[in-house]
Structure formats: C-alpha cells, structure tokens
C-alpha cells in the first residue's frame, strides 16, 4: 500500500509543480477512486483464501512458521525504505516519460 500511494500521488505533485500550482489534476477522480478501491480490495480477497500448507501439516509441524513467528525474515525498516525509494523512482519515471512523450 505504501508503494501504490506514493506512485500515484507523486505524479500529481510533480504535475501541479510543473503547471505553476494551478490545481489541475492528471487523473479523473472516478478513475483514481476505482484504482485505489480495486487494487486494495482484490488482493485482500484473493490472498485471504490462499494457504501455503494444509491446516493438518501446520498443526503437526509448527516449526514451518518459526521464522515468521520470531520475525526473522521480515524487516520493517527495509520494507518501508524500499517502498519509498521504488515509489519515488517509478513516480518520477511515469511523470517525466509521459511529459516528454506527449510534449
């Protein structure tokens, strides 16, 4: 969610800065609403039914989730930093490529 929010709102900021802060928008508000709604709702629904192992295996072998239980594999700082850097990079690429392609 961090990446998606950064990658969709930073081109708006760049465009407003480029157009001398007139308040015009690149995206239509309905299009932006549908984008946020669909790309936030559909992954939650689709991943809620996914299980890597059947429940019987999980109860028989609890060591399968030992690393995630102690948070050894997921680092919040690395996740947030990567989302910020990739979001800013992709937002600037989208804005400048579309600006020079159309202009």
N, C-alpha and C. Protein backbone atom coordinates (compact mmCIF):
# COMPACT_ATOMS: atom_id res chain seq x y z
N UNK A 1 0.81 -1.19 0.00
CA UNK A 1 0.00 0.00 0.00
C UNK A 1 0.85 1.26 0.00
N UNK A 2 2.02 1.19 0.60
CA UNK A 2 2.87 2.37 0.61
C UNK A 2 3.33 2.71 -0.80
N UNK A 3 3.75 1.71 -1.52
CA UNK A 3 4.26 1.94 -2.87
C UNK A 3 3.17 2.50 -3.76
N UNK A 4 1.98 1.92 -3.70
CA UNK A 4 0.87 2.34 -4.55
C UNK A 4 0.49 3.78 -4.26
N UNK A 5 0.45 4.16 -3.02
CA UNK A 5 0.09 5.53 -2.67
C UNK A 5 1.13 6.52 -3.15
N UNK A 6 2.39 6.17 -2.99
CA UNK A 6 3.46 7.07 -3.42
C UNK A 6 3.49 7.17 -4.94
N UNK A 7 3.36 6.04 -5.61
CA UNK A 7 3.47 6.03 -7.07
C UNK A 7 2.29 6.71 -7.76
N UNK A 8 1.16 6.84 -7.10
CA UNK A 8 0.03 7.52 -7.73
C UNK A 8 -0.10 8.99 -7.31
N UNK A 9 0.39 9.36 -6.15
CA UNK A 9 0.23 10.75 -5.73
C UNK A 9 1.42 11.65 -6.10
N UNK A 10 2.60 11.10 -6.20
CA UNK A 10 3.74 11.94 -6.57
C UNK A 10 3.65 12.50 -8.00
N UNK A 11 3.14 11.75 -8.99
CA UNK A 11 2.95 12.42 -10.29
C UNK A 11 1.98 13.59 -10.23
N UNK A 12 0.98 13.52 -9.34
CA UNK A 12 0.09 14.66 -9.16
C UNK A 12 0.84 15.86 -8.60
N UNK A 13 1.71 15.60 -7.63
CA UNK A 13 2.53 16.68 -7.07
C UNK A 13 3.46 17.26 -8.13
N UNK A 14 4.11 16.41 -8.90
CA UNK A 14 5.02 16.89 -9.95
C UNK A 14 4.26 17.70 -11.00
N UNK A 15 3.06 17.23 -11.38
CA UNK A 15 2.29 17.93 -12.39
C UNK A 15 1.81 19.29 -11.89
N UNK A 16 1.39 19.36 -10.64
CA UNK A 16 0.99 20.66 -10.09
C UNK A 16 2.16 21.61 -10.01
N UNK A 17 3.32 21.11 -9.68
CA UNK A 17 4.52 21.95 -9.65
C UNK A 17 4.90 22.40 -11.06
N UNK A 18 4.75 21.49 -12.02
CA UNK A 18 5.08 21.82 -13.40
C UNK A 18 4.10 22.83 -14.00
N UNK A 19 2.83 22.76 -13.61
CA UNK A 19 1.81 23.67 -14.16
C UNK A 19 1.62 24.91 -13.28
N UNK A 20 2.61 25.28 -12.54
CA UNK A 20 2.63 26.50 -11.71
C UNK A 20 1.55 26.50 -10.64
N UNK A 21 1.31 25.35 -10.05
CA UNK A 21 0.37 25.19 -8.93
C UNK A 21 -1.03 25.71 -9.25
N UNK A 22 -1.55 25.33 -10.43
CA UNK A 22 -2.88 25.77 -10.82
C UNK A 22 -3.98 24.91 -10.22
N UNK A 23 -3.65 23.74 -9.71
CA UNK A 23 -4.65 22.88 -9.10
C UNK A 23 -5.28 21.89 -10.06
N UNK A 24 -4.82 21.84 -11.28
CA UNK A 24 -5.35 20.86 -12.23
C UNK A 24 -4.80 19.48 -11.90
N UNK A 25 -5.53 18.48 -12.31
CA UNK A 25 -5.16 17.11 -11.96
C UNK A 25 -4.90 16.30 -13.22
N UNK A 26 -4.01 15.34 -13.10
CA UNK A 26 -3.73 14.44 -14.22
C UNK A 26 -4.85 13.41 -14.35
N UNK A 27 -5.30 12.89 -13.23
CA UNK A 27 -6.25 11.80 -13.20
C UNK A 27 -7.66 12.32 -12.95
N UNK A 28 -8.64 11.63 -13.51
CA UNK A 28 -10.02 11.88 -13.17
C UNK A 28 -10.28 11.29 -11.78
N UNK A 29 -11.12 11.94 -11.00
CA UNK A 29 -11.33 11.48 -9.62
C UNK A 29 -11.99 10.10 -9.56
N UNK A 30 -12.88 9.79 -10.49
CA UNK A 30 -13.51 8.47 -10.50
C UNK A 30 -12.47 7.40 -10.84
N UNK A 31 -11.61 7.70 -11.77
CA UNK A 31 -10.56 6.75 -12.15
C UNK A 31 -9.61 6.50 -10.98
N UNK A 32 -9.25 7.53 -10.27
CA UNK A 32 -8.37 7.38 -9.11
C UNK A 32 -9.05 6.59 -8.00
N UNK A 33 -10.34 6.85 -7.77
CA UNK A 33 -11.08 6.09 -6.76
C UNK A 33 -11.15 4.61 -7.13
N UNK A 34 -11.47 4.30 -8.38
CA UNK A 34 -11.55 2.90 -8.79
C UNK A 34 -10.20 2.21 -8.71
N UNK A 35 -9.15 2.91 -9.06
CA UNK A 35 -7.81 2.33 -8.96
C UNK A 35 -7.48 1.97 -7.53
N UNK A 36 -7.69 2.89 -6.60
CA UNK A 36 -7.41 2.61 -5.19
C UNK A 36 -8.31 1.51 -4.65
N UNK A 37 -9.58 1.55 -5.00
CA UNK A 37 -10.53 0.58 -4.48
C UNK A 37 -10.22 -0.82 -4.98
N UNK A 38 -10.01 -0.97 -6.27
CA UNK A 38 -9.78 -2.30 -6.84
C UNK A 38 -8.43 -2.88 -6.44
N UNK A 39 -7.41 -2.08 -6.44
CA UNK A 39 -6.09 -2.60 -6.12
C UNK A 39 -5.85 -2.72 -4.62
N UNK A 40 -6.79 -2.27 -3.81
CA UNK A 40 -6.71 -2.51 -2.38
C UNK A 40 -7.63 -3.64 -1.97
N UNK A 41 -8.77 -3.75 -2.61
CA UNK A 41 -9.75 -4.77 -2.23
C UNK A 41 -9.43 -6.14 -2.81
N UNK A 42 -9.08 -6.21 -4.07
CA UNK A 42 -8.89 -7.50 -4.73
C UNK A 42 -7.72 -8.32 -4.16
N UNK A 43 -6.56 -7.73 -3.86
CA UNK A 43 -5.51 -8.56 -3.25
C UNK A 43 -5.89 -9.09 -1.88
N UNK A 44 -6.62 -8.32 -1.11
CA UNK A 44 -7.03 -8.80 0.21
C UNK A 44 -7.96 -10.00 0.06
N UNK A 45 -8.89 -9.91 -0.86
CA UNK A 45 -9.82 -11.01 -1.07
C UNK A 45 -9.10 -12.23 -1.64
N UNK A 46 -8.24 -12.03 -2.61
CA UNK A 46 -7.59 -13.18 -3.26
C UNK A 46 -6.58 -13.87 -2.33
N UNK A 47 -5.84 -13.10 -1.53
CA UNK A 47 -4.85 -13.72 -0.65
C UNK A 47 -5.45 -14.26 0.65
N UNK A 48 -6.70 -13.92 0.93
CA UNK A 48 -7.29 -14.44 2.15
C UNK A 48 -7.64 -15.92 2.04
N UNK A 49 -7.80 -16.41 0.81
CA UNK A 49 -8.12 -17.82 0.62
C UNK A 49 -6.89 -18.69 0.39
N UNK A 50 -5.73 -18.07 0.28
CA UNK A 50 -4.52 -18.82 -0.02
C UNK A 50 -3.84 -19.30 1.25
N UNK A 51 -3.50 -20.57 1.26
CA UNK A 51 -2.74 -21.15 2.38
C UNK A 51 -1.61 -21.98 1.81
N UNK A 52 -0.39 -21.75 2.28
CA UNK A 52 0.74 -22.50 1.71
C UNK A 52 0.72 -23.98 2.10
N UNK A 53 0.18 -24.31 3.26
CA UNK A 53 0.13 -25.70 3.71
C UNK A 53 -1.27 -25.97 4.26
N UNK A 54 -1.72 -27.20 4.16
CA UNK A 54 -2.99 -27.54 4.80
C UNK A 54 -2.91 -27.39 6.32
N UNK A 55 -4.03 -27.23 6.94
CA UNK A 55 -4.08 -27.00 8.39
C UNK A 55 -3.51 -28.16 9.17
N UNK A 56 -3.68 -29.38 8.67
CA UNK A 56 -3.15 -30.54 9.38
C UNK A 56 -1.62 -30.50 9.46
N UNK A 57 -0.97 -30.11 8.37
CA UNK A 57 0.50 -30.01 8.37
C UNK A 57 0.99 -28.93 9.32
N UNK A 58 0.27 -27.84 9.36
CA UNK A 58 0.68 -26.75 10.25
C UNK A 58 0.60 -27.18 11.71
N UNK A 59 -0.45 -27.93 12.06
CA UNK A 59 -0.58 -28.39 13.43
C UNK A 59 0.43 -29.48 13.77
N UNK A 60 0.80 -30.30 12.77
CA UNK A 60 1.77 -31.36 13.02
C UNK A 60 3.20 -30.83 13.06
N UNK A 61 3.51 -29.83 12.26
CA UNK A 61 4.87 -29.28 12.15
C UNK A 61 4.85 -27.77 12.41
N UNK A 62 4.81 -27.33 13.65
CA UNK A 62 4.76 -25.89 13.93
C UNK A 62 6.07 -25.17 13.60
N UNK A 63 7.14 -25.91 13.35
CA UNK A 63 8.41 -25.28 13.00
C UNK A 63 8.38 -24.63 11.62
N UNK A 64 7.37 -24.95 10.82
CA UNK A 64 7.26 -24.34 9.50
C UNK A 64 7.11 -22.82 9.60
N UNK A 65 6.47 -22.36 10.65
CA UNK A 65 6.26 -20.94 10.82
C UNK A 65 7.12 -20.36 11.93
N UNK A 66 8.21 -20.98 12.24
CA UNK A 66 9.08 -20.49 13.30
C UNK A 66 9.76 -19.18 12.95
N UNK A 67 10.21 -19.06 11.71
CA UNK A 67 10.90 -17.83 11.31
C UNK A 67 9.96 -16.65 11.29
N UNK A 68 8.75 -16.85 10.81
CA UNK A 68 7.82 -15.73 10.76
C UNK A 68 7.29 -15.40 12.15
N UNK A 69 7.25 -16.38 13.02
CA UNK A 69 6.76 -16.12 14.37
C UNK A 69 7.74 -15.24 15.14
N UNK A 70 9.02 -15.39 14.89
CA UNK A 70 10.03 -14.58 15.56
C UNK A 70 10.49 -13.39 14.72
N UNK A 71 9.84 -13.17 13.59
CA UNK A 71 10.08 -12.03 12.69
C UNK A 71 11.53 -11.96 12.23
N UNK A 72 12.07 -13.10 11.86
CA UNK A 72 13.44 -13.12 11.37
C UNK A 72 13.52 -12.78 9.89
N UNK A 73 12.46 -13.03 9.14
CA UNK A 73 12.52 -12.86 7.69
C UNK A 73 11.99 -11.51 7.22
N UNK A 74 11.30 -10.76 8.06
CA UNK A 74 10.69 -9.51 7.64
C UNK A 74 11.26 -8.36 8.46
N UNK A 75 11.85 -7.41 7.79
CA UNK A 75 12.39 -6.23 8.44
C UNK A 75 11.59 -5.01 8.02
N UNK A 76 10.97 -4.32 8.98
CA UNK A 76 10.11 -3.19 8.67
C UNK A 76 10.88 -2.03 8.05
N UNK A 77 12.06 -1.76 8.54
CA UNK A 77 12.84 -0.64 8.02
C UNK A 77 13.20 -0.87 6.55
N UNK A 78 13.61 -2.08 6.24
CA UNK A 78 13.97 -2.40 4.87
C UNK A 78 12.76 -2.32 3.95
N UNK A 79 11.60 -2.79 4.44
CA UNK A 79 10.39 -2.76 3.66
C UNK A 79 9.95 -1.33 3.35
N UNK A 80 9.94 -0.49 4.36
CA UNK A 80 9.48 0.88 4.17
C UNK A 80 10.46 1.67 3.31
N UNK A 81 11.75 1.48 3.52
CA UNK A 81 12.74 2.18 2.72
C UNK A 81 12.65 1.76 1.25
N UNK A 82 12.50 0.48 1.01
CA UNK A 82 12.38 0.00 -0.37
C UNK A 82 11.11 0.53 -1.03
N UNK A 83 9.99 0.56 -0.30
CA UNK A 83 8.74 1.08 -0.86
C UNK A 83 8.87 2.56 -1.18
N UNK A 84 9.54 3.32 -0.31
CA UNK A 84 9.73 4.75 -0.57
C UNK A 84 10.60 5.00 -1.80
N UNK A 85 11.71 4.31 -1.88
CA UNK A 85 12.64 4.53 -2.99
C UNK A 85 12.02 4.11 -4.32
N UNK A 86 11.39 2.93 -4.34
CA UNK A 86 10.78 2.47 -5.58
C UNK A 86 9.59 3.33 -5.98
N UNK A 87 8.81 3.78 -5.01
CA UNK A 87 7.66 4.63 -5.32
C UNK A 87 8.09 5.97 -5.90
N UNK A 88 9.10 6.58 -5.31
CA UNK A 88 9.59 7.86 -5.83
C UNK A 88 10.21 7.69 -7.20
N UNK A 89 10.98 6.64 -7.39
CA UNK A 89 11.60 6.40 -8.70
C UNK A 89 10.56 6.15 -9.78
N UNK A 90 9.60 5.29 -9.51
CA UNK A 90 8.60 4.98 -10.53
C UNK A 90 7.66 6.16 -10.78
N UNK A 91 7.35 6.93 -9.76
CA UNK A 91 6.50 8.11 -9.96
C UNK A 91 7.21 9.15 -10.82
N UNK A 92 8.48 9.36 -10.57
CA UNK A 92 9.21 10.33 -11.39
C UNK A 92 9.38 9.82 -12.82
N UNK A 93 9.60 8.53 -12.99
CA UNK A 93 9.69 7.98 -14.34
C UNK A 93 8.36 8.13 -15.09
N UNK A 94 7.27 7.83 -14.45
CA UNK A 94 5.96 7.96 -15.09
C UNK A 94 5.70 9.40 -15.49
N UNK A 95 5.98 10.34 -14.61
CA UNK A 95 5.72 11.74 -14.92
C UNK A 95 6.60 12.25 -16.04
N UNK A 96 7.90 12.05 -15.93
CA UNK A 96 8.80 12.64 -16.91
C UNK A 96 8.74 11.94 -18.26
N UNK A 97 8.53 10.64 -18.29
CA UNK A 97 8.39 9.96 -19.58
C UNK A 97 7.10 10.40 -20.26
N UNK A 98 6.00 10.49 -19.52
CA UNK A 98 4.75 10.94 -20.13
C UNK A 98 4.82 12.42 -20.51
N UNK A 99 5.52 13.23 -19.75
CA UNK A 99 5.65 14.66 -20.07
C UNK A 99 6.41 14.86 -21.37
N UNK A 100 7.54 14.19 -21.51
CA UNK A 100 8.34 14.39 -22.71
C UNK A 100 7.83 13.58 -23.90
N UNK A 101 7.06 12.56 -23.64
CA UNK A 101 6.47 11.79 -24.74
C UNK A 101 5.32 12.57 -25.36
N UNK A 102 4.49 13.17 -24.53
CA UNK A 102 3.35 13.94 -25.03
C UNK A 102 3.79 15.33 -25.51
N UNK A 103 4.71 15.95 -24.77
CA UNK A 103 5.14 17.30 -25.09
C UNK A 103 6.13 17.31 -26.20
